[in-house]
Amino acid sequence: VVLMFWKRLWPFDLRKKGGSLIKKGAVPLWSKILVSCVP
């Protein structure tokens, strides 16, 4: 899964210069995944 969905799972854009290195939508996605994992 990590291999096939790497672009969606990896939250950083290391090529971006200036501003946030976090890809758009990455924080909400991972936040929802973690919410689902808690129970």
PDB file of all heavy atoms in Angstrom:
ATOM      1  N   VAL A   1       0.834  -1.205   0.000  1.00  0.00           N
ATOM      2  CA  VAL A   1       0.000   0.000   0.000  1.00  0.00           C
ATOM      3  C   VAL A   1       0.864   1.248   0.000  1.00  0.00           C
ATOM      4  O   VAL A   1       0.601   2.213  -0.725  1.00  0.00           O
ATOM      5  CB  VAL A   1      -0.935   0.009   1.229  1.00  0.00           C
ATOM      6  CG1 VAL A   1      -1.648   1.353   1.356  1.00  0.00           C
ATOM      7  CG2 VAL A   1      -1.958  -1.097   1.117  1.00  0.00           C
ATOM      8  N   VAL A   2       1.894   1.244   0.837  1.00  0.00           N
ATOM      9  CA  VAL A   2       2.790   2.408   0.909  1.00  0.00           C
ATOM     10  C   VAL A   2       3.394   2.690  -0.464  1.00  0.00           C
ATOM     11  O   VAL A   2       3.480   3.849  -0.893  1.00  0.00           O
ATOM     12  CB  VAL A   2       3.902   2.164   1.950  1.00  0.00           C
ATOM     13  CG1 VAL A   2       4.927   3.293   1.905  1.00  0.00           C
ATOM     14  CG2 VAL A   2       3.300   2.060   3.351  1.00  0.00           C
ATOM     15  N   LEU A   3       3.803   1.639  -1.164  1.00  0.00           N
ATOM     16  CA  LEU A   3       4.395   1.811  -2.487  1.00  0.00           C
ATOM     17  C   LEU A   3       3.376   2.348  -3.488  1.00  0.00           C
ATOM     18  O   LEU A   3       3.645   3.313  -4.221  1.00  0.00           O
ATOM     19  CB  LEU A   3       4.956   0.479  -2.976  1.00  0.00           C
ATOM     20  CG  LEU A   3       5.568   0.476  -4.384  1.00  0.00           C
ATOM     21  CD1 LEU A   3       6.776   1.404  -4.450  1.00  0.00           C
ATOM     22  CD2 LEU A   3       5.961  -0.944  -4.798  1.00  0.00           C
ATOM     23  N   MET A   4       2.186   1.765  -3.504  1.00  0.00           N
ATOM     24  CA  MET A   4       1.194   2.127  -4.524  1.00  0.00           C
ATOM     25  C   MET A   4       0.535   3.482  -4.247  1.00  0.00           C
ATOM     26  O   MET A   4       0.106   4.170  -5.168  1.00  0.00           O
ATOM     27  CB  MET A   4       0.134   1.036  -4.619  1.00  0.00           C
ATOM     28  CG  MET A   4       0.669  -0.292  -5.118  1.00  0.00           C
ATOM     29  SD  MET A   4      -0.626  -1.532  -5.426  1.00  0.00           S
ATOM     30  CE  MET A   4      -1.406  -0.869  -6.895  1.00  0.00           C
ATOM     31  N   PHE A   5       0.449   3.872  -2.973  1.00  0.00           N
ATOM     32  CA  PHE A   5      -0.212   5.124  -2.619  1.00  0.00           C
ATOM     33  C   PHE A   5       0.774   6.133  -2.040  1.00  0.00           C
ATOM     34  O   PHE A   5       0.389   7.005  -1.270  1.00  0.00           O
ATOM     35  CB  PHE A   5      -1.338   4.854  -1.601  1.00  0.00           C
ATOM     36  CG  PHE A   5      -2.517   4.147  -2.181  1.00  0.00           C
ATOM     37  CD1 PHE A   5      -2.550   2.766  -2.234  1.00  0.00           C
ATOM     38  CD2 PHE A   5      -3.599   4.856  -2.684  1.00  0.00           C
ATOM     39  CE1 PHE A   5      -3.639   2.094  -2.761  1.00  0.00           C
ATOM     40  CE2 PHE A   5      -4.696   4.208  -3.218  1.00  0.00           C
ATOM     41  CZ  PHE A   5      -4.709   2.820  -3.263  1.00  0.00           C
ATOM     42  N   TRP A   6       2.046   6.010  -2.419  1.00  0.00           N
ATOM     43  CA  TRP A   6       3.083   6.848  -1.837  1.00  0.00           C
ATOM     44  C   TRP A   6       2.795   8.342  -2.002  1.00  0.00           C
ATOM     45  O   TRP A   6       2.942   9.129  -1.070  1.00  0.00           O
ATOM     46  CB  TRP A   6       4.437   6.507  -2.442  1.00  0.00           C
ATOM     47  CG  TRP A   6       5.565   7.382  -1.935  1.00  0.00           C
ATOM     48  CD1 TRP A   6       6.184   8.394  -2.594  1.00  0.00           C
ATOM     49  CD2 TRP A   6       6.158   7.321  -0.641  1.00  0.00           C
ATOM     50  NE1 TRP A   6       7.145   8.968  -1.805  1.00  0.00           N
ATOM     51  CE2 TRP A   6       7.158   8.329  -0.587  1.00  0.00           C
ATOM     52  CE3 TRP A   6       5.966   6.518   0.481  1.00  0.00           C
ATOM     53  CZ2 TRP A   6       7.948   8.543   0.528  1.00  0.00           C
ATOM     54  CZ3 TRP A   6       6.755   6.725   1.600  1.00  0.00           C
ATOM     55  CH2 TRP A   6       7.721   7.739   1.614  1.00  0.00           C
ATOM     56  N   LYS A   7       2.386   8.750  -3.194  1.00  0.00           N
ATOM     57  CA  LYS A   7       2.158  10.174  -3.452  1.00  0.00           C
ATOM     58  C   LYS A   7       1.058  10.731  -2.562  1.00  0.00           C
ATOM     59  O   LYS A   7       1.125  11.883  -2.122  1.00  0.00           O
ATOM     60  CB  LYS A   7       1.811  10.395  -4.921  1.00  0.00           C
ATOM     61  CG  LYS A   7       2.988  10.184  -5.863  1.00  0.00           C
ATOM     62  CD  LYS A   7       2.608  10.511  -7.299  1.00  0.00           C
ATOM     63  CE  LYS A   7       3.788  10.338  -8.236  1.00  0.00           C
ATOM     64  NZ  LYS A   7       3.438  10.654  -9.649  1.00  0.00           N
ATOM     65  N   ARG A   8       0.049   9.923  -2.290  1.00  0.00           N
ATOM     66  CA  ARG A   8      -1.046  10.395  -1.441  1.00  0.00           C
ATOM     67  C   ARG A   8      -0.655  10.348   0.032  1.00  0.00           C
ATOM     68  O   ARG A   8      -1.029  11.228   0.813  1.00  0.00           O
ATOM     69  CB  ARG A   8      -2.303   9.553  -1.672  1.00  0.00           C
ATOM     70  CG  ARG A   8      -3.499  10.025  -0.847  1.00  0.00           C
ATOM     71  CD  ARG A   8      -4.733   9.200  -1.142  1.00  0.00           C
ATOM     72  NE  ARG A   8      -5.335   9.568  -2.409  1.00  0.00           N
ATOM     73  CZ  ARG A   8      -6.200  10.562  -2.550  1.00  0.00           C
ATOM     74  NH1 ARG A   8      -6.537  11.311  -1.510  1.00  0.00           N
ATOM     75  NH2 ARG A   8      -6.722  10.829  -3.722  1.00  0.00           N
ATOM     76  N   LEU A   9       0.099   9.335   0.426  1.00  0.00           N
ATOM     77  CA  LEU A   9       0.457   9.168   1.834  1.00  0.00           C
ATOM     78  C   LEU A   9       1.573  10.113   2.285  1.00  0.00           C
ATOM     79  O   LEU A   9       1.553  10.607   3.415  1.00  0.00           O
ATOM     80  CB  LEU A   9       0.883   7.716   2.096  1.00  0.00           C
ATOM     81  CG  LEU A   9      -0.224   6.664   2.091  1.00  0.00           C
ATOM     82  CD1 LEU A   9       0.380   5.265   2.059  1.00  0.00           C
ATOM     83  CD2 LEU A   9      -1.112   6.826   3.313  1.00  0.00           C
ATOM     84  N   TRP A  10       2.558  10.360   1.405  1.00  0.00           N
ATOM     85  CA  TRP A  10       3.699  11.201   1.776  1.00  0.00           C
ATOM     86  C   TRP A  10       3.236  12.658   1.865  1.00  0.00           C
ATOM     87  O   TRP A  10       2.785  13.230   0.882  1.00  0.00           O
ATOM     88  CB  TRP A  10       4.808  11.051   0.751  1.00  0.00           C
ATOM     89  CG  TRP A  10       6.052  11.848   1.060  1.00  0.00           C
ATOM     90  CD1 TRP A  10       6.546  12.896   0.345  1.00  0.00           C
ATOM     91  CD2 TRP A  10       6.955  11.644   2.140  1.00  0.00           C
ATOM     92  NE1 TRP A  10       7.700  13.374   0.912  1.00  0.00           N
ATOM     93  CE2 TRP A  10       7.985  12.626   2.027  1.00  0.00           C
ATOM     94  CE3 TRP A  10       7.010  10.748   3.198  1.00  0.00           C
ATOM     95  CZ2 TRP A  10       9.038  12.717   2.926  1.00  0.00           C
ATOM     96  CZ3 TRP A  10       8.065  10.837   4.101  1.00  0.00           C
ATOM     97  CH2 TRP A  10       9.054  11.803   3.965  1.00  0.00           C
ATOM     98  N   PRO A  11       3.329  13.277   3.046  1.00  0.00           N
ATOM     99  CA  PRO A  11       2.722  14.599   3.237  1.00  0.00           C
ATOM    100  C   PRO A  11       3.587  15.790   2.820  1.00  0.00           C
ATOM    101  O   PRO A  11       3.128  16.926   2.858  1.00  0.00           O
ATOM    102  CB  PRO A  11       2.478  14.634   4.751  1.00  0.00           C
ATOM    103  CG  PRO A  11       3.583  13.802   5.314  1.00  0.00           C
ATOM    104  CD  PRO A  11       3.844  12.717   4.305  1.00  0.00           C
ATOM    105  N   PHE A  12       4.835  15.535   2.427  1.00  0.00           N
ATOM    106  CA  PHE A  12       5.761  16.643   2.188  1.00  0.00           C
ATOM    107  C   PHE A  12       6.053  16.826   0.701  1.00  0.00           C
ATOM    108  O   PHE A  12       6.088  15.873  -0.068  1.00  0.00           O
ATOM    109  CB  PHE A  12       7.077  16.419   2.938  1.00  0.00           C
ATOM    110  CG  PHE A  12       6.905  16.181   4.404  1.00  0.00           C
ATOM    111  CD1 PHE A  12       7.102  14.927   4.946  1.00  0.00           C
ATOM    112  CD2 PHE A  12       6.532  17.219   5.255  1.00  0.00           C
ATOM    113  CE1 PHE A  12       6.939  14.692   6.295  1.00  0.00           C
ATOM    114  CE2 PHE A  12       6.369  17.006   6.608  1.00  0.00           C
ATOM    115  CZ  PHE A  12       6.566  15.739   7.139  1.00  0.00           C
ATOM    116  N   ASP A  13       6.278  18.079   0.320  1.00  0.00           N
ATOM    117  CA  ASP A  13       6.727  18.416  -1.028  1.00  0.00           C
ATOM    118  C   ASP A  13       8.090  19.065  -0.895  1.00  0.00           C
ATOM    119  O   ASP A  13       8.216  20.273  -0.702  1.00  0.00           O
ATOM    120  CB  ASP A  13       5.729  19.369  -1.701  1.00  0.00           C
ATOM    121  CG  ASP A  13       6.094  19.636  -3.158  1.00  0.00           C
ATOM    122  OD1 ASP A  13       7.154  19.143  -3.608  1.00  0.00           O
ATOM    123  OD2 ASP A  13       5.329  20.345  -3.841  1.00  0.00           O
ATOM    124  N   LEU A  14       9.139  18.248  -0.979  1.00  0.00           N
ATOM    125  CA  LEU A  14      10.498  18.723  -0.737  1.00  0.00           C
ATOM    126  C   LEU A  14      11.028  19.580  -1.882  1.00  0.00           C
ATOM    127  O   LEU A  14      12.061  20.243  -1.733  1.00  0.00           O
ATOM    128  CB  LEU A  14      11.428  17.529  -0.498  1.00  0.00           C
ATOM    129  CG  LEU A  14      11.043  16.622   0.681  1.00  0.00           C
ATOM    130  CD1 LEU A  14      12.032  15.477   0.814  1.00  0.00           C
ATOM    131  CD2 LEU A  14      10.973  17.420   1.975  1.00  0.00           C
ATOM    132  N   ARG A  15      10.339  19.589  -3.006  1.00  0.00           N
ATOM    133  CA  ARG A  15      10.782  20.401  -4.148  1.00  0.00           C
ATOM    134  C   ARG A  15      10.309  21.841  -4.035  1.00  0.00           C
ATOM    135  O   ARG A  15      10.792  22.718  -4.748  1.00  0.00           O
ATOM    136  CB  ARG A  15      10.265  19.796  -5.449  1.00  0.00           C
ATOM    137  CG  ARG A  15      10.774  18.386  -5.739  1.00  0.00           C
ATOM    138  CD  ARG A  15      10.029  17.784  -6.901  1.00  0.00           C
ATOM    139  NE  ARG A  15       8.598  17.682  -6.620  1.00  0.00           N
ATOM    140  CZ  ARG A  15       7.697  17.233  -7.491  1.00  0.00           C
ATOM    141  NH1 ARG A  15       8.087  16.875  -8.696  1.00  0.00           N
ATOM    142  NH2 ARG A  15       6.427  17.166  -7.152  1.00  0.00           N
ATOM    143  N   LYS A  16       9.370  22.066  -3.142  1.00  0.00           N
ATOM    144  CA  LYS A  16       8.779  23.397  -3.017  1.00  0.00           C
ATOM    145  C   LYS A  16       9.746  24.343  -2.311  1.00  0.00           C
ATOM    146  O   LYS A  16      10.310  24.010  -1.275  1.00  0.00           O
ATOM    147  CB  LYS A  16       7.468  23.313  -2.229  1.00  0.00           C
ATOM    148  CG  LYS A  16       6.662  24.585  -2.244  1.00  0.00           C
ATOM    149  CD  LYS A  16       5.313  24.349  -1.588  1.00  0.00           C
ATOM    150  CE  LYS A  16       4.462  25.604  -1.614  1.00  0.00           C
ATOM    151  NZ  LYS A  16       3.139  25.374  -0.993  1.00  0.00           N
ATOM    152  N   LYS A  17       9.919  25.514  -2.864  1.00  0.00           N
ATOM    153  CA  LYS A  17      10.816  26.509  -2.284  1.00  0.00           C
ATOM    154  C   LYS A  17       9.989  27.663  -1.711  1.00  0.00           C
ATOM    155  O   LYS A  17       9.204  28.294  -2.408  1.00  0.00           O
ATOM    156  CB  LYS A  17      11.787  27.040  -3.340  1.00  0.00           C
ATOM    157  CG  LYS A  17      12.715  25.963  -3.897  1.00  0.00           C
ATOM    158  CD  LYS A  17      13.658  26.542  -4.936  1.00  0.00           C
ATOM    159  CE  LYS A  17      14.586  25.471  -5.492  1.00  0.00           C
ATOM    160  NZ  LYS A  17      15.502  26.017  -6.521  1.00  0.00           N
ATOM    161  N   GLY A  18      10.194  27.899  -0.433  1.00  0.00           N
ATOM    162  CA  GLY A  18       9.445  28.959   0.232  1.00  0.00           C
ATOM    163  C   GLY A  18       8.064  28.473   0.643  1.00  0.00           C
ATOM    164  O   GLY A  18       7.466  27.615   0.002  1.00  0.00           O
ATOM    165  N   GLY A  19       7.555  28.997   1.728  1.00  0.00           N
ATOM    166  CA  GLY A  19       6.231  28.596   2.198  1.00  0.00           C
ATOM    167  C   GLY A  19       6.267  27.229   2.856  1.00  0.00           C
ATOM    168  O   GLY A  19       7.310  26.689   3.195  1.00  0.00           O
ATOM    169  N   SER A  20       5.087  26.639   3.002  1.00  0.00           N
ATOM    170  CA  SER A  20       4.960  25.359   3.687  1.00  0.00           C
ATOM    171  C   SER A  20       5.426  24.203   2.809  1.00  0.00           C
ATOM    172  O   SER A  20       5.181  24.181   1.603  1.00  0.00           O
ATOM    173  CB  SER A  20       3.508  25.129   4.093  1.00  0.00           C
ATOM    174  OG  SER A  20       3.350  23.849   4.646  1.00  0.00           O
ATOM    175  N   LEU A  21       6.124  23.260   3.435  1.00  0.00           N
ATOM    176  CA  LEU A  21       6.551  22.057   2.731  1.00  0.00           C
ATOM    177  C   LEU A  21       5.480  20.972   2.782  1.00  0.00           C
ATOM    178  O   LEU A  21       5.652  19.906   2.194  1.00  0.00           O
ATOM    179  CB  LEU A  21       7.851  21.525   3.330  1.00  0.00           C
ATOM    180  CG  LEU A  21       9.099  22.399   3.155  1.00  0.00           C
ATOM    181  CD1 LEU A  21      10.287  21.764   3.867  1.00  0.00           C
ATOM    182  CD2 LEU A  21       9.417  22.587   1.680  1.00  0.00           C
ATOM    183  N   ILE A  22       4.402  21.225   3.512  1.00  0.00           N
ATOM    184  CA  ILE A  22       3.316  20.262   3.627  1.00  0.00           C
ATOM    185  C   ILE A  22       2.401  20.373   2.412  1.00  0.00           C
ATOM    186  O   ILE A  22       1.945  21.456   2.065  1.00  0.00           O
ATOM    187  CB  ILE A  22       2.489  20.496   4.910  1.00  0.00           C
ATOM    188  CG1 ILE A  22       3.399  20.504   6.141  1.00  0.00           C
ATOM    189  CG2 ILE A  22       1.401  19.446   5.032  1.00  0.00           C
ATOM    190  CD1 ILE A  22       4.062  19.194   6.411  1.00  0.00           C
ATOM    191  N   LYS A  23       2.147  19.264   1.763  1.00  0.00           N
ATOM    192  CA  LYS A  23       1.284  19.268   0.586  1.00  0.00           C
ATOM    193  C   LYS A  23      -0.151  19.609   0.975  1.00  0.00           C
ATOM    194  O   LYS A  23      -0.620  19.261   2.057  1.00  0.00           O
ATOM    195  CB  LYS A  23       1.320  17.895  -0.104  1.00  0.00           C
ATOM    196  CG  LYS A  23       2.636  17.579  -0.772  1.00  0.00           C
ATOM    197  CD  LYS A  23       2.551  16.365  -1.660  1.00  0.00           C
ATOM    198  CE  LYS A  23       2.291  15.104  -0.885  1.00  0.00           C
ATOM    199  NZ  LYS A  23       2.426  13.885  -1.717  1.00  0.00           N
ATOM    200  N   LYS A  24      -0.845  20.278   0.073  1.00  0.00           N
ATOM    201  CA  LYS A  24      -2.226  20.652   0.301  1.00  0.00           C
ATOM    202  C   LYS A  24      -3.087  19.410   0.505  1.00  0.00           C
ATOM    203  O   LYS A  24      -3.042  18.467  -0.281  1.00  0.00           O
ATOM    204  CB  LYS A  24      -2.761  21.460  -0.896  1.00  0.00           C
ATOM    205  CG  LYS A  24      -4.188  21.946  -0.712  1.00  0.00           C
ATOM    206  CD  LYS A  24      -4.654  22.724  -1.932  1.00  0.00           C
ATOM    207  CE  LYS A  24      -6.096  23.203  -1.759  1.00  0.00           C
ATOM    208  NZ  LYS A  24      -6.583  23.949  -2.939  1.00  0.00           N
ATOM    209  N   GLY A  25      -3.855  19.414   1.570  1.00  0.00           N
ATOM    210  CA  GLY A  25      -4.748  18.302   1.868  1.00  0.00           C
ATOM    211  C   GLY A  25      -4.127  17.196   2.680  1.00  0.00           C
ATOM    212  O   GLY A  25      -4.835  16.293   3.138  1.00  0.00           O
ATOM    213  N   ALA A  26      -2.789  17.234   2.868  1.00  0.00           N
ATOM    214  CA  ALA A  26      -2.116  16.148   3.582  1.00  0.00           C
ATOM    215  C   ALA A  26      -2.495  16.111   5.059  1.00  0.00           C
ATOM    216  O   ALA A  26      -2.742  15.043   5.621  1.00  0.00           O
ATOM    217  CB  ALA A  26      -0.604  16.276   3.433  1.00  0.00           C
ATOM    218  N   VAL A  27      -2.539  17.275   5.697  1.00  0.00           N
ATOM    219  CA  VAL A  27      -2.855  17.325   7.134  1.00  0.00           C
ATOM    220  C   VAL A  27      -4.284  16.850   7.404  1.00  0.00           C
ATOM    221  O   VAL A  27      -4.502  16.008   8.289  1.00  0.00           O
ATOM    222  CB  VAL A  27      -2.614  18.735   7.696  1.00  0.00           C
ATOM    223  CG1 VAL A  27      -3.121  18.821   9.138  1.00  0.00           C
ATOM    224  CG2 VAL A  27      -1.130  19.076   7.651  1.00  0.00           C
ATOM    225  N   PRO A  28      -5.293  17.354   6.664  1.00  0.00           N
ATOM    226  CA  PRO A  28      -6.650  16.844   6.892  1.00  0.00           C
ATOM    227  C   PRO A  28      -6.767  15.338   6.658  1.00  0.00           C
ATOM    228  O   PRO A  28      -7.441  14.642   7.419  1.00  0.00           O
ATOM    229  CB  PRO A  28      -7.497  17.625   5.887  1.00  0.00           C
ATOM    230  CG  PRO A  28      -6.727  18.874   5.645  1.00  0.00           C
ATOM    231  CD  PRO A  28      -5.296  18.481   5.706  1.00  0.00           C
ATOM    232  N   LEU A  29      -6.114  14.826   5.612  1.00  0.00           N
ATOM    233  CA  LEU A  29      -6.199  13.402   5.310  1.00  0.00           C
ATOM    234  C   LEU A  29      -5.623  12.569   6.445  1.00  0.00           C
ATOM    235  O   LEU A  29      -6.258  11.626   6.937  1.00  0.00           O
ATOM    236  CB  LEU A  29      -5.468  13.082   4.005  1.00  0.00           C
ATOM    237  CG  LEU A  29      -5.372  11.584   3.656  1.00  0.00           C
ATOM    238  CD1 LEU A  29      -6.761  10.987   3.462  1.00  0.00           C
ATOM    239  CD2 LEU A  29      -4.515  11.378   2.409  1.00  0.00           C
ATOM    240  N   TRP A  30      -4.403  12.922   6.891  1.00  0.00           N
ATOM    241  CA  TRP A  30      -3.776  12.151   7.954  1.00  0.00           C
ATOM    242  C   TRP A  30      -4.518  12.321   9.272  1.00  0.00           C
ATOM    243  O   TRP A  30      -4.576  11.391  10.090  1.00  0.00           O
ATOM    244  CB  TRP A  30      -2.306  12.547   8.110  1.00  0.00           C
ATOM    245  CG  TRP A  30      -1.418  11.722   7.228  1.00  0.00           C
ATOM    246  CD1 TRP A  30      -0.806  12.106   6.074  1.00  0.00           C
ATOM    247  CD2 TRP A  30      -1.073  10.346   7.426  1.00  0.00           C
ATOM    248  NE1 TRP A  30      -0.095  11.058   5.539  1.00  0.00           N
ATOM    249  CE2 TRP A  30      -0.241   9.966   6.351  1.00  0.00           C
ATOM    250  CE3 TRP A  30      -1.392   9.401   8.393  1.00  0.00           C
ATOM    251  CZ2 TRP A  30       0.280   8.691   6.232  1.00  0.00           C
ATOM    252  CZ3 TRP A  30      -0.879   8.116   8.273  1.00  0.00           C
ATOM    253  CH2 TRP A  30      -0.052   7.769   7.210  1.00  0.00           C
ATOM    254  N   SER A  31      -5.098  13.488   9.484  1.00  0.00           N
ATOM    255  CA  SER A  31      -5.881  13.704  10.706  1.00  0.00           C
ATOM    256  C   SER A  31      -7.092  12.767  10.732  1.00  0.00           C
ATOM    257  O   SER A  31      -7.402  12.159  11.760  1.00  0.00           O
ATOM    258  CB  SER A  31      -6.348  15.158  10.794  1.00  0.00           C
ATOM    259  OG  SER A  31      -5.246  16.048  10.862  1.00  0.00           O
ATOM    260  N   LYS A  32      -7.755  12.636   9.590  1.00  0.00           N
ATOM    261  CA  LYS A  32      -8.920  11.750   9.523  1.00  0.00           C
ATOM    262  C   LYS A  32      -8.504  10.285   9.681  1.00  0.00           C
ATOM    263  O   LYS A  32      -9.203   9.497  10.346  1.00  0.00           O
ATOM    264  CB  LYS A  32      -9.651  11.956   8.195  1.00  0.00           C
ATOM    265  CG  LYS A  32     -10.298  13.327   8.070  1.00  0.00           C
ATOM    266  CD  LYS A  32     -10.735  13.613   6.640  1.00  0.00           C
ATOM    267  CE  LYS A  32     -11.146  15.072   6.469  1.00  0.00           C
ATOM    268  NZ  LYS A  32     -11.437  15.402   5.049  1.00  0.00           N
ATOM    269  N   ILE A  33      -7.381   9.912   9.079  1.00  0.00           N
ATOM    270  CA  ILE A  33      -6.886   8.543   9.224  1.00  0.00           C
ATOM    271  C   ILE A  33      -6.607   8.231  10.695  1.00  0.00           C
ATOM    272  O   ILE A  33      -6.979   7.167  11.206  1.00  0.00           O
ATOM    273  CB  ILE A  33      -5.620   8.336   8.376  1.00  0.00           C
ATOM    274  CG1 ILE A  33      -5.974   8.313   6.887  1.00  0.00           C
ATOM    275  CG2 ILE A  33      -4.912   7.038   8.758  1.00  0.00           C
ATOM    276  CD1 ILE A  33      -4.777   8.270   5.958  1.00  0.00           C
ATOM    277  N   LEU A  34      -5.976   9.163  11.389  1.00  0.00           N
ATOM    278  CA  LEU A  34      -5.665   8.956  12.805  1.00  0.00           C
ATOM    279  C   LEU A  34      -6.939   8.895  13.647  1.00  0.00           C
ATOM    280  O   LEU A  34      -7.030   8.093  14.588  1.00  0.00           O
ATOM    281  CB  LEU A  34      -4.734  10.055  13.307  1.00  0.00           C
ATOM    282  CG  LEU A  34      -3.331  10.050  12.687  1.00  0.00           C
ATOM    283  CD1 LEU A  34      -2.507  11.229  13.198  1.00  0.00           C
ATOM    284  CD2 LEU A  34      -2.608   8.740  12.987  1.00  0.00           C
ATOM    285  N   VAL A  35      -7.924   9.728  13.319  1.00  0.00           N
ATOM    286  CA  VAL A  35      -9.213   9.677  14.021  1.00  0.00           C
ATOM    287  C   VAL A  35      -9.830   8.290  13.866  1.00  0.00           C
ATOM    288  O   VAL A  35     -10.374   7.719  14.826  1.00  0.00           O
ATOM    289  CB  VAL A  35     -10.166  10.766  13.487  1.00  0.00           C
ATOM    290  CG1 VAL A  35     -11.603  10.499  13.951  1.00  0.00           C
ATOM    291  CG2 VAL A  35      -9.716  12.139  13.956  1.00  0.00           C
ATOM    292  N   SER A  36      -9.756   7.731  12.670  1.00  0.00           N
ATOM    293  CA  SER A  36     -10.317   6.404  12.421  1.00  0.00           C
ATOM    294  C   SER A  36      -9.550   5.307  13.150  1.00  0.00           C
ATOM    295  O   SER A  36     -10.115   4.254  13.460  1.00  0.00           O
ATOM    296  CB  SER A  36     -10.317   6.100  10.918  1.00  0.00           C
ATOM    297  OG  SER A  36     -11.165   6.977  10.201  1.00  0.00           O
ATOM    298  N   CYS A  37      -8.264   5.548  13.421  1.00  0.00           N
ATOM    299  CA  CYS A  37      -7.421   4.526  14.050  1.00  0.00           C
ATOM    300  C   CYS A  37      -7.614   4.430  15.559  1.00  0.00           C
ATOM    301  O   CYS A  37      -7.371   3.380  16.154  1.00  0.00           O
ATOM    302  CB  CYS A  37      -5.945   4.825  13.777  1.00  0.00           C
ATOM    303  SG  CYS A  37      -5.409   4.489  12.099  1.00  0.00           S
ATOM    304  N   VAL A  38      -8.032   5.520  16.183  1.00  0.00           N
ATOM    305  CA  VAL A  38      -8.039   5.586  17.648  1.00  0.00           C
ATOM    306  C   VAL A  38      -8.859   4.484  18.311  1.00  0.00           C
ATOM    307  O   VAL A  38      -8.376   3.800  19.218  1.00  0.00           O
ATOM    308  CB  VAL A  38      -8.503   6.979  18.123  1.00  0.00           C
ATOM    309  CG1 VAL A  38      -8.765   6.974  19.632  1.00  0.00           C
ATOM    310  CG2 VAL A  38      -7.443   8.022  17.786  1.00  0.00           C
ATOM    311  N   PRO A  39     -10.130   4.249  17.919  1.00  0.00           N
ATOM    312  CA  PRO A  39     -10.916   3.227  18.630  1.00  0.00           C
ATOM    313  C   PRO A  39     -10.275   1.845  18.609  1.00  0.00           C
ATOM    314  O   PRO A  39     -10.169   1.184  19.649  1.00  0.00           O
ATOM    315  CB  PRO A  39     -12.251   3.235  17.874  1.00  0.00           C
ATOM    316  CG  PRO A  39     -12.341   4.601  17.273  1.00  0.00           C
ATOM    317  CD  PRO A  39     -10.929   4.945  16.894  1.00  0.00           C
TER     318      PRO A  39
END
